[in-house]
Amino acid sequence: MKTFILDGYQFKTRNDAFEYLNSVFQFPDYFGKNLDSLWDVLSDLKDIRIEIINARQIPKHLQGYGLKILDIFGDLNGYRGVEVEMLW
């Protein structure tokens, strides 16, 4: 099982967040840098583990939008063998 580690400190702006996620996961070219597209590309993954360290920094920097990003990862947990752990 491949592990991806995300650092909440990298989510300073929406653009920074999507650029960072793309650099970590190497999303396909059709990735649209929005929440719907984020779900689409993440839900295609299977049998992986994602650790989000400093997770509280995401809503701290992005307010409600950051919570929506965390919700996507929360919904992803358990989907197609994906494990997500958020470390606050």
N, C-alpha and C. Protein backbone atom coordinates (compact mmCIF):
# COMPACT_ATOMS: atom_id res chain seq x y z
N MET A 1 0.85 -1.17 0.00
CA MET A 1 0.00 0.00 0.00
C MET A 1 0.90 1.24 0.00
N LYS A 2 0.69 2.10 -0.96
CA LYS A 2 1.48 3.33 -1.07
C LYS A 2 0.94 4.37 -0.11
N THR A 3 1.84 5.12 0.53
CA THR A 3 1.46 6.17 1.47
C THR A 3 1.81 7.54 0.92
N PHE A 4 0.86 8.44 1.02
CA PHE A 4 1.07 9.84 0.67
C PHE A 4 0.97 10.66 1.95
N ILE A 5 1.89 11.59 2.15
CA ILE A 5 1.86 12.45 3.33
C ILE A 5 1.64 13.88 2.87
N LEU A 6 0.58 14.49 3.41
CA LEU A 6 0.26 15.88 3.11
C LEU A 6 0.53 16.72 4.34
N ASP A 7 1.03 17.93 4.15
CA ASP A 7 1.30 18.86 5.24
C ASP A 7 0.34 20.04 5.14
N GLY A 8 -0.50 20.20 6.13
CA GLY A 8 -1.50 21.26 6.14
C GLY A 8 -0.91 22.66 6.01
N TYR A 9 0.34 22.84 6.37
CA TYR A 9 0.97 24.15 6.23
C TYR A 9 1.13 24.56 4.77
N GLN A 10 1.03 23.63 3.84
CA GLN A 10 1.18 23.94 2.41
C GLN A 10 -0.10 24.48 1.78
N PHE A 11 -1.19 24.46 2.53
CA PHE A 11 -2.50 24.89 2.02
C PHE A 11 -2.74 26.35 2.40
N LYS A 12 -1.97 27.26 1.86
CA LYS A 12 -2.05 28.67 2.26
C LYS A 12 -3.12 29.43 1.49
N THR A 13 -3.28 29.13 0.22
CA THR A 13 -4.34 29.70 -0.61
C THR A 13 -4.97 28.55 -1.38
N ARG A 14 -6.10 28.81 -2.01
CA ARG A 14 -6.73 27.76 -2.81
C ARG A 14 -5.79 27.28 -3.90
N ASN A 15 -5.17 28.22 -4.59
CA ASN A 15 -4.25 27.84 -5.66
C ASN A 15 -3.08 27.04 -5.12
N ASP A 16 -2.50 27.49 -4.00
CA ASP A 16 -1.41 26.73 -3.38
C ASP A 16 -1.85 25.32 -3.04
N ALA A 17 -3.06 25.19 -2.52
CA ALA A 17 -3.57 23.87 -2.11
C ALA A 17 -3.64 22.93 -3.31
N PHE A 18 -4.22 23.40 -4.41
CA PHE A 18 -4.36 22.53 -5.57
C PHE A 18 -3.03 22.24 -6.24
N GLU A 19 -2.14 23.21 -6.26
CA GLU A 19 -0.80 22.97 -6.82
C GLU A 19 -0.05 21.94 -5.97
N TYR A 20 -0.16 22.08 -4.65
CA TYR A 20 0.50 21.15 -3.74
C TYR A 20 -0.06 19.74 -3.91
N LEU A 21 -1.39 19.61 -3.92
CA LEU A 21 -2.01 18.30 -4.09
C LEU A 21 -1.60 17.67 -5.41
N ASN A 22 -1.56 18.47 -6.46
CA ASN A 22 -1.15 17.96 -7.76
C ASN A 22 0.31 17.49 -7.73
N SER A 23 1.16 18.21 -7.03
CA SER A 23 2.57 17.81 -6.97
C SER A 23 2.75 16.51 -6.18
N VAL A 24 1.94 16.31 -5.16
CA VAL A 24 2.04 15.09 -4.35
C VAL A 24 1.47 13.89 -5.09
N PHE A 25 0.29 14.04 -5.65
CA PHE A 25 -0.41 12.90 -6.25
C PHE A 25 -0.14 12.73 -7.74
N GLN A 26 0.43 13.74 -8.38
CA GLN A 26 0.67 13.68 -9.83
C GLN A 26 -0.64 13.37 -10.57
N PHE A 27 -1.62 14.25 -10.39
CA PHE A 27 -2.93 14.07 -11.01
C PHE A 27 -2.82 14.11 -12.54
N PRO A 28 -3.81 13.54 -13.22
CA PRO A 28 -3.82 13.60 -14.68
C PRO A 28 -4.04 15.04 -15.17
N ASP A 29 -3.77 15.26 -16.43
CA ASP A 29 -3.85 16.60 -17.02
C ASP A 29 -5.25 17.21 -16.92
N TYR A 30 -6.27 16.39 -16.85
CA TYR A 30 -7.64 16.93 -16.81
C TYR A 30 -8.04 17.45 -15.43
N PHE A 31 -7.15 17.37 -14.44
CA PHE A 31 -7.48 17.87 -13.10
C PHE A 31 -7.84 19.35 -13.18
N GLY A 32 -9.01 19.71 -12.68
CA GLY A 32 -9.55 21.05 -12.86
C GLY A 32 -9.33 22.04 -11.73
N LYS A 33 -8.59 21.66 -10.71
CA LYS A 33 -8.28 22.56 -9.58
C LYS A 33 -9.55 23.15 -8.95
N ASN A 34 -10.49 22.27 -8.64
CA ASN A 34 -11.68 22.64 -7.89
C ASN A 34 -12.12 21.42 -7.08
N LEU A 35 -13.07 21.59 -6.20
CA LEU A 35 -13.46 20.51 -5.29
C LEU A 35 -14.04 19.30 -6.02
N ASP A 36 -14.87 19.54 -7.03
CA ASP A 36 -15.45 18.41 -7.77
C ASP A 36 -14.36 17.60 -8.46
N SER A 37 -13.44 18.30 -9.09
CA SER A 37 -12.35 17.62 -9.77
C SER A 37 -11.45 16.90 -8.78
N LEU A 38 -11.26 17.50 -7.60
CA LEU A 38 -10.44 16.86 -6.57
C LEU A 38 -11.05 15.52 -6.18
N TRP A 39 -12.37 15.50 -5.95
CA TRP A 39 -13.03 14.23 -5.62
C TRP A 39 -12.86 13.24 -6.76
N ASP A 40 -13.06 13.71 -7.99
CA ASP A 40 -12.98 12.80 -9.14
C ASP A 40 -11.62 12.11 -9.23
N VAL A 41 -10.54 12.87 -9.10
CA VAL A 41 -9.22 12.25 -9.24
C VAL A 41 -8.84 11.43 -8.02
N LEU A 42 -9.23 11.87 -6.83
CA LEU A 42 -8.90 11.09 -5.64
C LEU A 42 -9.71 9.80 -5.57
N SER A 43 -10.96 9.85 -6.00
CA SER A 43 -11.80 8.64 -5.92
C SER A 43 -11.40 7.59 -6.95
N ASP A 44 -10.55 7.95 -7.90
CA ASP A 44 -10.01 6.97 -8.84
C ASP A 44 -8.87 6.16 -8.22
N LEU A 45 -8.31 6.66 -7.13
CA LEU A 45 -7.20 5.97 -6.48
C LEU A 45 -7.74 4.81 -5.65
N LYS A 46 -6.92 3.80 -5.44
CA LYS A 46 -7.35 2.68 -4.59
C LYS A 46 -6.14 2.10 -3.89
N ASP A 47 -6.43 1.47 -2.76
CA ASP A 47 -5.41 0.80 -1.95
C ASP A 47 -4.22 1.70 -1.64
N ILE A 48 -4.53 2.90 -1.12
CA ILE A 48 -3.48 3.83 -0.70
C ILE A 48 -3.77 4.31 0.71
N ARG A 49 -2.78 4.91 1.30
CA ARG A 49 -2.92 5.52 2.62
C ARG A 49 -2.52 6.99 2.48
N ILE A 50 -3.32 7.87 3.07
CA ILE A 50 -3.04 9.30 3.06
C ILE A 50 -2.97 9.78 4.49
N GLU A 51 -1.86 10.38 4.86
CA GLU A 51 -1.71 11.02 6.17
C GLU A 51 -1.69 12.51 5.96
N ILE A 52 -2.52 13.21 6.69
CA ILE A 52 -2.53 14.68 6.62
C ILE A 52 -2.00 15.18 7.96
N ILE A 53 -0.76 15.65 7.95
CA ILE A 53 -0.18 16.20 9.17
C ILE A 53 -0.52 17.69 9.23
N ASN A 54 -0.59 18.23 10.43
CA ASN A 54 -0.95 19.64 10.63
C ASN A 54 -2.28 19.97 9.95
N ALA A 55 -3.24 19.05 10.03
CA ALA A 55 -4.52 19.20 9.34
C ALA A 55 -5.27 20.46 9.76
N ARG A 56 -5.12 20.89 10.99
CA ARG A 56 -5.87 22.07 11.44
C ARG A 56 -5.43 23.35 10.73
N GLN A 57 -4.27 23.32 10.10
CA GLN A 57 -3.81 24.50 9.36
C GLN A 57 -4.63 24.73 8.09
N ILE A 58 -5.24 23.68 7.57
CA ILE A 58 -6.00 23.81 6.32
C ILE A 58 -7.21 24.74 6.52
N PRO A 59 -8.10 24.48 7.48
CA PRO A 59 -9.20 25.43 7.68
C PRO A 59 -8.72 26.76 8.29
N LYS A 60 -7.60 26.74 8.97
CA LYS A 60 -7.07 27.99 9.52
C LYS A 60 -6.73 28.95 8.38
N HIS A 61 -6.13 28.43 7.30
CA HIS A 61 -5.75 29.27 6.17
C HIS A 61 -6.90 29.49 5.18
N LEU A 62 -7.72 28.46 4.98
CA LEU A 62 -8.72 28.51 3.92
C LEU A 62 -10.15 28.59 4.44
N GLN A 63 -10.33 28.73 5.74
CA GLN A 63 -11.64 28.82 6.39
C GLN A 63 -12.58 27.69 5.92
N GLY A 64 -13.79 28.04 5.51
CA GLY A 64 -14.78 27.04 5.13
C GLY A 64 -14.36 26.19 3.94
N TYR A 65 -13.61 26.77 3.02
CA TYR A 65 -13.13 26.02 1.87
C TYR A 65 -12.18 24.92 2.32
N GLY A 66 -11.37 25.21 3.32
CA GLY A 66 -10.46 24.21 3.88
C GLY A 66 -11.23 23.06 4.52
N LEU A 67 -12.34 23.38 5.17
CA LEU A 67 -13.17 22.32 5.74
C LEU A 67 -13.75 21.44 4.65
N LYS A 68 -14.10 22.03 3.52
CA LYS A 68 -14.62 21.24 2.40
C LYS A 68 -13.55 20.30 1.85
N ILE A 69 -12.32 20.77 1.81
CA ILE A 69 -11.22 19.90 1.37
C ILE A 69 -11.07 18.73 2.34
N LEU A 70 -11.10 19.04 3.64
CA LEU A 70 -10.99 17.97 4.64
C LEU A 70 -12.17 17.01 4.55
N ASP A 71 -13.36 17.53 4.25
CA ASP A 71 -14.54 16.66 4.07
C ASP A 71 -14.32 15.66 2.93
N ILE A 72 -13.70 16.12 1.85
CA ILE A 72 -13.43 15.22 0.74
C ILE A 72 -12.53 14.08 1.20
N PHE A 73 -11.49 14.41 1.95
CA PHE A 73 -10.60 13.35 2.45
C PHE A 73 -11.33 12.46 3.45
N GLY A 74 -12.20 13.04 4.25
CA GLY A 74 -13.00 12.24 5.18
C GLY A 74 -13.91 11.28 4.44
N ASP A 75 -14.56 11.75 3.37
CA ASP A 75 -15.43 10.89 2.57
C ASP A 75 -14.63 9.81 1.85
N LEU A 76 -13.39 10.12 1.52
CA LEU A 76 -12.54 9.18 0.81
C LEU A 76 -12.11 8.01 1.70
N ASN A 77 -12.04 8.25 3.01
CA ASN A 77 -11.60 7.22 3.94
C ASN A 77 -12.51 5.99 3.85
N GLY A 78 -11.92 4.85 3.56
CA GLY A 78 -12.66 3.60 3.44
C GLY A 78 -13.19 3.33 2.05
N TYR A 79 -13.08 4.28 1.15
CA TYR A 79 -13.56 4.13 -0.22
C TYR A 79 -12.49 3.47 -1.07
N ARG A 80 -12.80 2.35 -1.66
CA ARG A 80 -11.89 1.60 -2.55
C ARG A 80 -10.55 1.28 -1.88
N GLY A 81 -10.59 0.98 -0.61
CA GLY A 81 -9.38 0.59 0.09
C GLY A 81 -8.46 1.74 0.46
N VAL A 82 -9.00 2.95 0.46
CA VAL A 82 -8.22 4.13 0.82
C VAL A 82 -8.33 4.38 2.32
N GLU A 83 -7.19 4.58 2.95
CA GLU A 83 -7.15 4.94 4.37
C GLU A 83 -6.68 6.38 4.48
N VAL A 84 -7.41 7.17 5.25
CA VAL A 84 -7.03 8.57 5.48
C VAL A 84 -6.92 8.79 6.97
N GLU A 85 -5.80 9.35 7.39
CA GLU A 85 -5.59 9.70 8.79
C GLU A 85 -5.25 11.18 8.85
N MET A 86 -5.99 11.90 9.68
CA MET A 86 -5.72 13.32 9.87
C MET A 86 -5.08 13.52 11.23
N LEU A 87 -3.92 14.09 11.21
CA LEU A 87 -3.19 14.39 12.44
C LEU A 87 -3.25 15.88 12.68
N TRP A 88 -3.90 16.27 13.75
CA TRP A 88 -4.17 17.68 14.00
C TRP A 88 -2.96 18.37 14.57
